[in-house]
Amino acid sequence: MEKVNPLHLIATAIGTLLVTVFTLSHYGYLHVSKPEDALLLAEYTMLKTIEGEDYRLTLKPAEQTAHCIEGFLVLFDNNKQGLTGVLVDDKKRVVRCQL
C-alpha cells in the first residue's frame, strides 16, 4: 500500500473549493453584497387614520409595488426591472406582514 501525502489531500480540497466558488460566482449563483446594494429606494410615511379627519393624497400611485412574501413586506420597483428590497423601519427592523 502506498502512503497518501496529506499535503496532496489539502491542496485538492482547497483547489476544489476555489473552483467551486469561482464557478458559482461566474454563473451568477453567488452574490456578495456591497454597501451600494443597500440603497434607499424611497422614503415612506405612515398616515395614522383618525375618525372624522380628512386627508389629502395624490391620485398618482407610487413607483413601487408591495407584496407579502414569506411574512415580509417586499417592495418591487416598477421602473427599474429587477430592483427589489425588503421594507425596514428607521432602525433597520424588517416590516412583517400577515399572509
PDB file of N, CA and C in Angstrom:
ATOM      1  N   MET A   1       0.827  -1.175   0.000  1.00  0.00           N
ATOM      2  CA  MET A   1       0.000   0.000   0.000  1.00  0.00           C
ATOM      3  C   MET A   1       0.874   1.241   0.000  1.00  0.00           C
ATOM      4  N   GLU A   2       0.452   2.165  -0.798  1.00  0.00           N
ATOM      5  CA  GLU A   2       1.183   3.424  -0.902  1.00  0.00           C
ATOM      6  C   GLU A   2       0.640   4.411   0.122  1.00  0.00           C
ATOM      7  N   LYS A   3       1.538   5.147   0.775  1.00  0.00           N
ATOM      8  CA  LYS A   3       1.124   6.145   1.751  1.00  0.00           C
ATOM      9  C   LYS A   3       0.626   7.381   1.021  1.00  0.00           C
ATOM     10  N   VAL A   4      -0.482   7.935   1.500  1.00  0.00           N
ATOM     11  CA  VAL A   4      -1.053   9.129   0.889  1.00  0.00           C
ATOM     12  C   VAL A   4      -0.477  10.359   1.580  1.00  0.00           C
ATOM     13  N   ASN A   5       0.011  11.277   0.763  1.00  0.00           N
ATOM     14  CA  ASN A   5       0.584  12.500   1.297  1.00  0.00           C
ATOM     15  C   ASN A   5      -0.552  13.445   1.697  1.00  0.00           C
ATOM     16  N   PRO A   6      -0.611  13.875   2.965  1.00  0.00           N
ATOM     17  CA  PRO A   6      -1.704  14.754   3.399  1.00  0.00           C
ATOM     18  C   PRO A   6      -1.680  16.111   2.690  1.00  0.00           C
ATOM     19  N   LEU A   7      -0.534  16.559   2.231  1.00  0.00           N
ATOM     20  CA  LEU A   7      -0.468  17.832   1.517  1.00  0.00           C
ATOM     21  C   LEU A   7      -1.246  17.769   0.198  1.00  0.00           C
ATOM     22  N   HIS A   8      -1.230  16.606  -0.459  1.00  0.00           N
ATOM     23  CA  HIS A   8      -1.985  16.450  -1.702  1.00  0.00           C
ATOM     24  C   HIS A   8      -3.488  16.527  -1.435  1.00  0.00           C
ATOM     25  N   LEU A   9      -3.935  15.933  -0.335  1.00  0.00           N
ATOM     26  CA  LEU A   9      -5.350  15.990   0.021  1.00  0.00           C
ATOM     27  C   LEU A   9      -5.784  17.417   0.359  1.00  0.00           C
ATOM     28  N   ILE A  10      -4.967  18.140   1.105  1.00  0.00           N
ATOM     29  CA  ILE A  10      -5.284  19.518   1.470  1.00  0.00           C
ATOM     30  C   ILE A  10      -5.301  20.407   0.231  1.00  0.00           C
ATOM     31  N   ALA A  11      -4.314  20.236  -0.652  1.00  0.00           N
ATOM     32  CA  ALA A  11      -4.262  21.031  -1.882  1.00  0.00           C
ATOM     33  C   ALA A  11      -5.457  20.726  -2.780  1.00  0.00           C
ATOM     34  N   THR A  12      -5.857  19.482  -2.855  1.00  0.00           N
ATOM     35  CA  THR A  12      -7.032  19.110  -3.656  1.00  0.00           C
ATOM     36  C   THR A  12      -8.301  19.722  -3.068  1.00  0.00           C
ATOM     37  N   ALA A  13      -8.455  19.693  -1.755  1.00  0.00           N
ATOM     38  CA  ALA A  13      -9.634  20.265  -1.115  1.00  0.00           C
ATOM     39  C   ALA A  13      -9.701  21.778  -1.345  1.00  0.00           C
ATOM     40  N   ILE A  14      -8.592  22.472  -1.177  1.00  0.00           N
ATOM     41  CA  ILE A  14      -8.557  23.927  -1.385  1.00  0.00           C
ATOM     42  C   ILE A  14      -8.811  24.261  -2.847  1.00  0.00           C
ATOM     43  N   GLY A  15      -8.203  23.516  -3.756  1.00  0.00           N
ATOM     44  CA  GLY A  15      -8.415  23.740  -5.189  1.00  0.00           C
ATOM     45  C   GLY A  15      -9.865  23.515  -5.580  1.00  0.00           C
ATOM     46  N   THR A  16     -10.473  22.468  -5.059  1.00  0.00           N
ATOM     47  CA  THR A  16     -11.877  22.175  -5.353  1.00  0.00           C
ATOM     48  C   THR A  16     -12.777  23.289  -4.828  1.00  0.00           C
ATOM     49  N   LEU A  17     -12.503  23.772  -3.639  1.00  0.00           N
ATOM     50  CA  LEU A  17     -13.278  24.866  -3.061  1.00  0.00           C
ATOM     51  C   LEU A  17     -13.164  26.137  -3.912  1.00  0.00           C
ATOM     52  N   LEU A  18     -11.951  26.486  -4.321  1.00  0.00           N
ATOM     53  CA  LEU A  18     -11.750  27.686  -5.140  1.00  0.00           C
ATOM     54  C   LEU A  18     -12.445  27.574  -6.495  1.00  0.00           C
ATOM     55  N   VAL A  19     -12.348  26.419  -7.133  1.00  0.00           N
ATOM     56  CA  VAL A  19     -13.006  26.220  -8.428  1.00  0.00           C
ATOM     57  C   VAL A  19     -14.525  26.283  -8.273  1.00  0.00           C
ATOM     58  N   THR A  20     -15.050  25.716  -7.206  1.00  0.00           N
ATOM     59  CA  THR A  20     -16.492  25.750  -6.962  1.00  0.00           C
ATOM     60  C   THR A  20     -16.979  27.178  -6.753  1.00  0.00           C
ATOM     61  N   VAL A  21     -16.296  27.947  -5.918  1.00  0.00           N
ATOM     62  CA  VAL A  21     -16.688  29.334  -5.660  1.00  0.00           C
ATOM     63  C   VAL A  21     -16.596  30.158  -6.935  1.00  0.00           C
ATOM     64  N   PHE A  22     -15.519  29.997  -7.698  1.00  0.00           N
ATOM     65  CA  PHE A  22     -15.372  30.738  -8.948  1.00  0.00           C
ATOM     66  C   PHE A  22     -16.487  30.385  -9.931  1.00  0.00           C
ATOM     67  N   THR A  23     -16.805  29.111 -10.060  1.00  0.00           N
ATOM     68  CA  THR A  23     -17.851  28.676 -10.988  1.00  0.00           C
ATOM     69  C   THR A  23     -19.219  29.222 -10.575  1.00  0.00           C
ATOM     70  N   LEU A  24     -19.556  29.134  -9.292  1.00  0.00           N
ATOM     71  CA  LEU A  24     -20.832  29.675  -8.808  1.00  0.00           C
ATOM     72  C   LEU A  24     -20.912  31.188  -9.023  1.00  0.00           C
ATOM     73  N   SER A  25     -19.813  31.883  -8.786  1.00  0.00           N
ATOM     74  CA  SER A  25     -19.792  33.328  -8.988  1.00  0.00           C
ATOM     75  C   SER A  25     -19.911  33.685 -10.464  1.00  0.00           C
ATOM     76  N   HIS A  26     -19.230  32.929 -11.314  1.00  0.00           N
ATOM     77  CA  HIS A  26     -19.244  33.189 -12.755  1.00  0.00           C
ATOM     78  C   HIS A  26     -20.640  33.036 -13.351  1.00  0.00           C
ATOM     79  N   TYR A  27     -21.390  32.044 -12.906  1.00  0.00           N
ATOM     80  CA  TYR A  27     -22.725  31.804 -13.439  1.00  0.00           C
ATOM     81  C   TYR A  27     -23.829  32.549 -12.685  1.00  0.00           C
ATOM     82  N   GLY A  28     -23.458  33.390 -11.718  1.00  0.00           N
ATOM     83  CA  GLY A  28     -24.424  34.246 -11.043  1.00  0.00           C
ATOM     84  C   GLY A  28     -25.164  33.610  -9.887  1.00  0.00           C
ATOM     85  N   TYR A  29     -24.724  32.466  -9.421  1.00  0.00           N
ATOM     86  CA  TYR A  29     -25.390  31.818  -8.294  1.00  0.00           C
ATOM     87  C   TYR A  29     -24.854  32.302  -6.954  1.00  0.00           C
ATOM     88  N   LEU A  30     -23.767  33.019  -6.972  1.00  0.00           N
ATOM     89  CA  LEU A  30     -23.151  33.525  -5.751  1.00  0.00           C
ATOM     90  C   LEU A  30     -23.043  35.033  -5.882  1.00  0.00           C
ATOM     91  N   HIS A  31     -23.613  35.755  -4.939  1.00  0.00           N
ATOM     92  CA  HIS A  31     -23.569  37.217  -4.977  1.00  0.00           C
ATOM     93  C   HIS A  31     -23.088  37.731  -3.640  1.00  0.00           C
ATOM     94  N   VAL A  32     -22.026  38.524  -3.661  1.00  0.00           N
ATOM     95  CA  VAL A  32     -21.505  39.150  -2.455  1.00  0.00           C
ATOM     96  C   VAL A  32     -22.060  40.561  -2.421  1.00  0.00           C
ATOM     97  N   SER A  33     -22.865  40.853  -1.401  1.00  0.00           N
ATOM     98  CA  SER A  33     -23.482  42.180  -1.345  1.00  0.00           C
ATOM     99  C   SER A  33     -22.453  43.233  -0.961  1.00  0.00           C
ATOM    100  N   LYS A  34     -22.643  44.412  -1.528  1.00  0.00           N
ATOM    101  CA  LYS A  34     -21.765  45.547  -1.275  1.00  0.00           C
ATOM    102  C   LYS A  34     -22.583  46.643  -0.594  1.00  0.00           C
ATOM    103  N   PRO A  35     -21.940  47.619   0.027  1.00  0.00           N
ATOM    104  CA  PRO A  35     -22.702  48.704   0.670  1.00  0.00           C
ATOM    105  C   PRO A  35     -23.621  49.441  -0.296  1.00  0.00           C
ATOM    106  N   GLU A  36     -23.234  49.577  -1.554  1.00  0.00           N
ATOM    107  CA  GLU A  36     -24.091  50.285  -2.504  1.00  0.00           C
ATOM    108  C   GLU A  36     -25.320  49.468  -2.895  1.00  0.00           C
ATOM    109  N   ASP A  37     -25.365  48.187  -2.546  1.00  0.00           N
ATOM    110  CA  ASP A  37     -26.551  47.368  -2.797  1.00  0.00           C
ATOM    111  C   ASP A  37     -27.696  47.742  -1.850  1.00  0.00           C
ATOM    112  N   ALA A  38     -27.383  48.355  -0.727  1.00  0.00           N
ATOM    113  CA  ALA A  38     -28.398  48.726   0.262  1.00  0.00           C
ATOM    114  C   ALA A  38     -28.801  50.180   0.071  1.00  0.00           C
ATOM    115  N   LEU A  39     -29.222  50.523  -1.118  1.00  0.00           N
ATOM    116  CA  LEU A  39     -29.625  51.887  -1.415  1.00  0.00           C
ATOM    117  C   LEU A  39     -31.027  52.161  -0.898  1.00  0.00           C
ATOM    118  N   LEU A  40     -31.266  53.407  -0.571  1.00  0.00           N
ATOM    119  CA  LEU A  40     -32.597  53.826  -0.160  1.00  0.00           C
ATOM    120  C   LEU A  40     -33.444  53.940  -1.408  1.00  0.00           C
ATOM    121  N   LEU A  41     -34.413  53.075  -1.527  1.00  0.00           N
ATOM    122  CA  LEU A  41     -35.278  53.069  -2.703  1.00  0.00           C
ATOM    123  C   LEU A  41     -36.239  54.247  -2.669  1.00  0.00           C
ATOM    124  N   ALA A  42     -36.879  54.462  -1.570  1.00  0.00           N
ATOM    125  CA  ALA A  42     -37.802  55.586  -1.399  1.00  0.00           C
ATOM    126  C   ALA A  42     -38.100  55.721   0.090  1.00  0.00           C
ATOM    127  N   GLU A  43     -38.585  56.887   0.481  1.00  0.00           N
ATOM    128  CA  GLU A  43     -38.965  57.099   1.874  1.00  0.00           C
ATOM    129  C   GLU A  43     -40.480  57.007   1.986  1.00  0.00           C
ATOM    130  N   TYR A  44     -40.924  56.401   3.069  1.00  0.00           N
ATOM    131  CA  TYR A  44     -42.355  56.225   3.281  1.00  0.00           C
ATOM    132  C   TYR A  44     -42.749  56.776   4.635  1.00  0.00           C
ATOM    133  N   THR A  45     -43.975  57.230   4.719  1.00  0.00           N
ATOM    134  CA  THR A  45     -44.534  57.732   5.962  1.00  0.00           C
ATOM    135  C   THR A  45     -45.881  57.056   6.176  1.00  0.00           C
ATOM    136  N   MET A  46     -46.125  56.655   7.395  1.00  0.00           N
ATOM    137  CA  MET A  46     -47.410  56.044   7.697  1.00  0.00           C
ATOM    138  C   MET A  46     -48.373  57.140   8.151  1.00  0.00           C
ATOM    139  N   LEU A  47     -49.532  57.195   7.522  1.00  0.00           N
ATOM    140  CA  LEU A  47     -50.564  58.138   7.914  1.00  0.00           C
ATOM    141  C   LEU A  47     -51.493  57.464   8.909  1.00  0.00           C
ATOM    142  N   LYS A  48     -51.566  58.032  10.086  1.00  0.00           N
ATOM    143  CA  LYS A  48     -52.460  57.483  11.100  1.00  0.00           C
ATOM    144  C   LYS A  48     -53.861  57.990  10.810  1.00  0.00           C
ATOM    145  N   THR A  49     -54.797  57.071  10.742  1.00  0.00           N
ATOM    146  CA  THR A  49     -56.170  57.461  10.440  1.00  0.00           C
ATOM    147  C   THR A  49     -56.895  57.833  11.734  1.00  0.00           C
ATOM    148  N   ILE A  50     -57.503  59.008  11.686  1.00  0.00           N
ATOM    149  CA  ILE A  50     -58.290  59.491  12.813  1.00  0.00           C
ATOM    150  C   ILE A  50     -59.697  59.727  12.297  1.00  0.00           C
ATOM    151  N   GLU A  51     -60.658  59.177  12.995  1.00  0.00           N
ATOM    152  CA  GLU A  51     -62.046  59.265  12.548  1.00  0.00           C
ATOM    153  C   GLU A  51     -62.496  60.724  12.441  1.00  0.00           C
ATOM    154  N   GLY A  52     -63.083  61.076  11.294  1.00  0.00           N
ATOM    155  CA  GLY A  52     -63.600  62.408  11.070  1.00  0.00           C
ATOM    156  C   GLY A  52     -62.586  63.390  10.516  1.00  0.00           C
ATOM    157  N   GLU A  53     -61.342  62.977  10.341  1.00  0.00           N
ATOM    158  CA  GLU A  53     -60.305  63.865   9.829  1.00  0.00           C
ATOM    159  C   GLU A  53     -60.080  63.578   8.346  1.00  0.00           C
ATOM    160  N   ASP A  54     -59.934  64.627   7.535  1.00  0.00           N
ATOM    161  CA  ASP A  54     -59.717  64.488   6.100  1.00  0.00           C
ATOM    162  C   ASP A  54     -58.224  64.420   5.796  1.00  0.00           C
ATOM    163  N   TYR A  55     -57.900  63.688   4.718  1.00  0.00           N
ATOM    164  CA  TYR A  55     -56.514  63.567   4.282  1.00  0.00           C
ATOM    165  C   TYR A  55     -56.421  63.970   2.827  1.00  0.00           C
ATOM    166  N   ARG A  56     -55.336  64.610   2.455  1.00  0.00           N
ATOM    167  CA  ARG A  56     -55.103  64.971   1.066  1.00  0.00           C
ATOM    168  C   ARG A  56     -54.028  64.037   0.523  1.00  0.00           C
ATOM    169  N   LEU A  57     -54.396  63.273  -0.474  1.00  0.00           N
ATOM    170  CA  LEU A  57     -53.484  62.335  -1.109  1.00  0.00           C
ATOM    171  C   LEU A  57     -53.511  62.558  -2.611  1.00  0.00           C
ATOM    172  N   THR A  58     -52.414  62.254  -3.260  1.00  0.00           N
ATOM    173  CA  THR A  58     -52.362  62.341  -4.708  1.00  0.00           C
ATOM    174  C   THR A  58     -52.941  61.072  -5.322  1.00  0.00           C
ATOM    175  N   LEU A  59     -53.533  61.197  -6.484  1.00  0.00           N
ATOM    176  CA  LEU A  59     -54.094  60.027  -7.161  1.00  0.00           C
ATOM    177  C   LEU A  59     -53.029  59.233  -7.916  1.00  0.00           C
ATOM    178  N   LYS A  60     -51.868  59.855  -8.131  1.00  0.00           N
ATOM    179  CA  LYS A  60     -50.777  59.171  -8.835  1.00  0.00           C
ATOM    180  C   LYS A  60     -50.168  58.112  -7.903  1.00  0.00           C
ATOM    181  N   PRO A  61     -50.111  56.855  -8.345  1.00  0.00           N
ATOM    182  CA  PRO A  61     -49.566  55.803  -7.473  1.00  0.00           C
ATOM    183  C   PRO A  61     -48.044  55.902  -7.343  1.00  0.00           C
ATOM    184  N   ALA A  62     -47.519  55.282  -6.305  1.00  0.00           N
ATOM    185  CA  ALA A  62     -46.072  55.223  -6.099  1.00  0.00           C
ATOM    186  C   ALA A  62     -45.426  54.358  -7.173  1.00  0.00           C
ATOM    187  N   GLU A  63     -44.118  54.497  -7.330  1.00  0.00           N
ATOM    188  CA  GLU A  63     -43.383  53.732  -8.339  1.00  0.00           C
ATOM    189  C   GLU A  63     -43.017  52.337  -7.848  1.00  0.00           C
ATOM    190  N   GLN A  64     -43.433  51.995  -6.634  1.00  0.00           N
ATOM    191  CA  GLN A  64     -43.145  50.681  -6.079  1.00  0.00           C
ATOM    192  C   GLN A  64     -44.443  49.938  -5.798  1.00  0.00           C
ATOM    193  N   THR A  65     -44.336  48.612  -5.841  1.00  0.00           N
ATOM    194  CA  THR A  65     -45.451  47.739  -5.511  1.00  0.00           C
ATOM    195  C   THR A  65     -45.003  46.848  -4.364  1.00  0.00           C
ATOM    196  N   ALA A  66     -45.849  46.655  -3.360  1.00  0.00           N
ATOM    197  CA  ALA A  66     -45.506  45.830  -2.199  1.00  0.00           C
ATOM    198  C   ALA A  66     -46.231  44.495  -2.275  1.00  0.00           C
ATOM    199  N   HIS A  67     -45.520  43.445  -1.895  1.00  0.00           N
ATOM    200  CA  HIS A  67     -46.091  42.096  -1.821  1.00  0.00           C
ATOM    201  C   HIS A  67     -45.661  41.476  -0.500  1.00  0.00           C
ATOM    202  N   CYS A  68     -46.542  40.668   0.057  1.00  0.00           N
ATOM    203  CA  CYS A  68     -46.221  39.931   1.277  1.00  0.00           C
ATOM    204  C   CYS A  68     -45.633  38.584   0.869  1.00  0.00           C
ATOM    205  N   ILE A  69     -44.341  38.401   1.119  1.00  0.00           N
ATOM    206  CA  ILE A  69     -43.664  37.168   0.739  1.00  0.00           C
ATOM    207  C   ILE A  69     -43.034  36.554   1.981  1.00  0.00           C
ATOM    208  N   GLU A  70     -43.496  35.384   2.337  1.00  0.00           N
ATOM    209  CA  GLU A  70     -42.992  34.635   3.493  1.00  0.00           C
ATOM    210  C   GLU A  70     -42.994  35.477   4.768  1.00  0.00           C
ATOM    211  N   GLY A  71     -44.026  36.315   4.929  1.00  0.00           N
ATOM    212  CA  GLY A  71     -44.168  37.091   6.144  1.00  0.00           C
ATOM    213  C   GLY A  71     -43.429  38.410   6.157  1.00  0.00           C
ATOM    214  N   PHE A  72     -42.778  38.800   5.059  1.00  0.00           N
ATOM    215  CA  PHE A  72     -42.054  40.062   4.978  1.00  0.00           C
ATOM    216  C   PHE A  72     -42.644  40.917   3.874  1.00  0.00           C
ATOM    217  N   LEU A  73     -42.664  42.229   4.078  1.00  0.00           N
ATOM    218  CA  LEU A  73     -43.174  43.151   3.073  1.00  0.00           C
ATOM    219  C   LEU A  73     -42.043  43.495   2.110  1.00  0.00           C
ATOM    220  N   VAL A  74     -42.155  43.010   0.884  1.00  0.00           N
ATOM    221  CA  VAL A  74     -41.119  43.182  -0.129  1.00  0.00           C
ATOM    222  C   VAL A  74     -41.601  44.198  -1.155  1.00  0.00           C
ATOM    223  N   LEU A  75     -40.733  45.163  -1.482  1.00  0.00           N
ATOM    224  CA  LEU A  75     -41.053  46.188  -2.463  1.00  0.00           C
ATOM    225  C   LEU A  75     -40.416  45.849  -3.801  1.00  0.00           C
ATOM    226  N   PHE A  76     -41.202  46.013  -4.862  1.00  0.00           N
ATOM    227  CA  PHE A  76     -40.721  45.829  -6.220  1.00  0.00           C
ATOM    228  C   PHE A  76     -40.810  47.173  -6.928  1.00  0.00           C
ATOM    229  N   ASP A  77     -39.735  47.603  -7.568  1.00  0.00           N
ATOM    230  CA  ASP A  77     -39.737  48.864  -8.296  1.00  0.00           C
ATOM    231  C   ASP A  77     -40.337  48.639  -9.670  1.00  0.00           C
ATOM    232  N   ASN A  78     -41.314  49.454 -10.042  1.00  0.00           N
ATOM    233  CA  ASN A  78     -41.985  49.297 -11.331  1.00  0.00           C
ATOM    234  C   ASN A  78     -41.168  49.864 -12.483  1.00  0.00           C
ATOM    235  N   ASN A  79     -40.265  50.807 -12.207  1.00  0.00           N
ATOM    236  CA  ASN A  79     -39.478  51.435 -13.267  1.00  0.00           C
ATOM    237  C   ASN A  79     -38.194  50.686 -13.577  1.00  0.00           C
ATOM    238  N   LYS A  80     -37.510  50.229 -12.561  1.00  0.00           N
ATOM    239  CA  LYS A  80     -36.230  49.535 -12.737  1.00  0.00           C
ATOM    240  C   LYS A  80     -36.456  48.047 -12.529  1.00  0.00           C
ATOM    241  N   GLN A  81     -36.448  47.305 -13.605  1.00  0.00           N
ATOM    242  CA  GLN A  81     -36.714  45.866 -13.553  1.00  0.00           C
ATOM    243  C   GLN A  81     -35.670  45.153 -12.704  1.00  0.00           C
ATOM    244  N   GLY A  82     -36.094  44.294 -11.840  1.00  0.00           N
ATOM    245  CA  GLY A  82     -35.178  43.502 -11.019  1.00  0.00           C
ATOM    246  C   GLY A  82     -34.765  44.173  -9.729  1.00  0.00           C
ATOM    247  N   LEU A  83     -35.195  45.428  -9.498  1.00  0.00           N
ATOM    248  CA  LEU A  83     -34.838  46.123  -8.269  1.00  0.00           C
ATOM    249  C   LEU A  83     -35.896  45.834  -7.219  1.00  0.00           C
ATOM    250  N   THR A  84     -35.513  45.077  -6.205  1.00  0.00           N
ATOM    251  CA  THR A  84     -36.430  44.720  -5.126  1.00  0.00           C
ATOM    252  C   THR A  84     -35.760  44.986  -3.791  1.00  0.00           C
ATOM    253  N   GLY A  85     -36.545  45.076  -2.750  1.00  0.00           N
ATOM    254  CA  GLY A  85     -35.993  45.281  -1.426  1.00  0.00           C
ATOM    255  C   GLY A  85     -37.025  44.970  -0.364  1.00  0.00           C
ATOM    256  N   VAL A  86     -36.544  44.745   0.832  1.00  0.00           N
ATOM    257  CA  VAL A  86     -37.402  44.476   1.980  1.00  0.00           C
ATOM    258  C   VAL A  86     -37.632  45.795   2.692  1.00  0.00           C
ATOM    259  N   LEU A  87     -38.873  46.068   3.072  1.00  0.00           N
ATOM    260  CA  LEU A  87     -39.205  47.309   3.756  1.00  0.00           C
ATOM    261  C   LEU A  87     -38.749  47.225   5.202  1.00  0.00           C
ATOM    262  N   VAL A  88     -37.970  48.223   5.641  1.00  0.00           N
ATOM    263  CA  VAL A  88     -37.469  48.287   7.022  1.00  0.00           C
ATOM    264  C   VAL A  88     -37.830  49.645   7.616  1.00  0.00           C
ATOM    265  N   ASP A  89     -37.843  49.717   8.948  1.00  0.00           N
ATOM    266  CA  ASP A  89     -38.102  50.993   9.597  1.00  0.00           C
ATOM    267  C   ASP A  89     -36.795  51.754   9.762  1.00  0.00           C
ATOM    268  N   ASP A  90     -36.848  52.892  10.487  1.00  0.00           N
ATOM    269  CA  ASP A  90     -35.654  53.725  10.627  1.00  0.00           C
ATOM    270  C   ASP A  90     -34.556  53.075  11.464  1.00  0.00           C
ATOM    271  N   LYS A  91     -34.877  51.996  12.175  1.00  0.00           N
ATOM    272  CA  LYS A  91     -33.878  51.267  12.962  1.00  0.00           C
ATOM    273  C   LYS A  91     -33.440  49.977  12.264  1.00  0.00           C
ATOM    274  N   LYS A  92     -33.750  49.862  10.971  1.00  0.00           N
ATOM    275  CA  LYS A  92     -33.372  48.718  10.129  1.00  0.00           C
ATOM    276  C   LYS A  92     -34.042  47.413  10.578  1.00  0.00           C
ATOM    277  N   ARG A  93     -35.232  47.532  11.167  1.00  0.00           N
ATOM    278  CA  ARG A  93     -36.014  46.348  11.529  1.00  0.00           C
ATOM    279  C   ARG A  93     -36.970  46.040  10.403  1.00  0.00           C
ATOM    280  N   VAL A  94     -37.078  44.791  10.034  1.00  0.00           N
ATOM    281  CA  VAL A  94     -37.907  44.362   8.913  1.00  0.00           C
ATOM    282  C   VAL A  94     -39.384  44.517   9.243  1.00  0.00           C
ATOM    283  N   VAL A  95     -40.146  45.071   8.295  1.00  0.00           N
ATOM    284  CA  VAL A  95     -41.582  45.199   8.454  1.00  0.00           C
ATOM    285  C   VAL A  95     -42.220  43.869   8.068  1.00  0.00           C
ATOM    286  N   ARG A  96     -42.947  43.276   8.991  1.00  0.00           N
ATOM    287  CA  ARG A  96     -43.575  41.975   8.745  1.00  0.00           C
ATOM    288  C   ARG A  96     -45.005  42.186   8.270  1.00  0.00           C
ATOM    289  N   CYS A  97     -45.551  41.186   7.625  1.00  0.00           N
ATOM    290  CA  CYS A  97     -46.945  41.241   7.172  1.00  0.00           C
ATOM    291  C   CYS A  97     -47.574  39.871   7.387  1.00  0.00           C
ATOM    292  N   GLN A  98     -48.900  39.838   7.328  1.00  0.00           N
ATOM    293  CA  GLN A  98     -49.612  38.585   7.514  1.00  0.00           C
ATOM    294  C   GLN A  98     -50.032  38.033   6.159  1.00  0.00           C
ATOM    295  N   LEU A  99     -49.827  36.752   5.978  1.00  0.00           N
ATOM    296  CA  LEU A  99     -50.176  36.107   4.722  1.00  0.00           C
ATOM    297  C   LEU A  99     -51.662  35.918   4.572  1.00  0.00           C
TER     298      LEU A  99
END
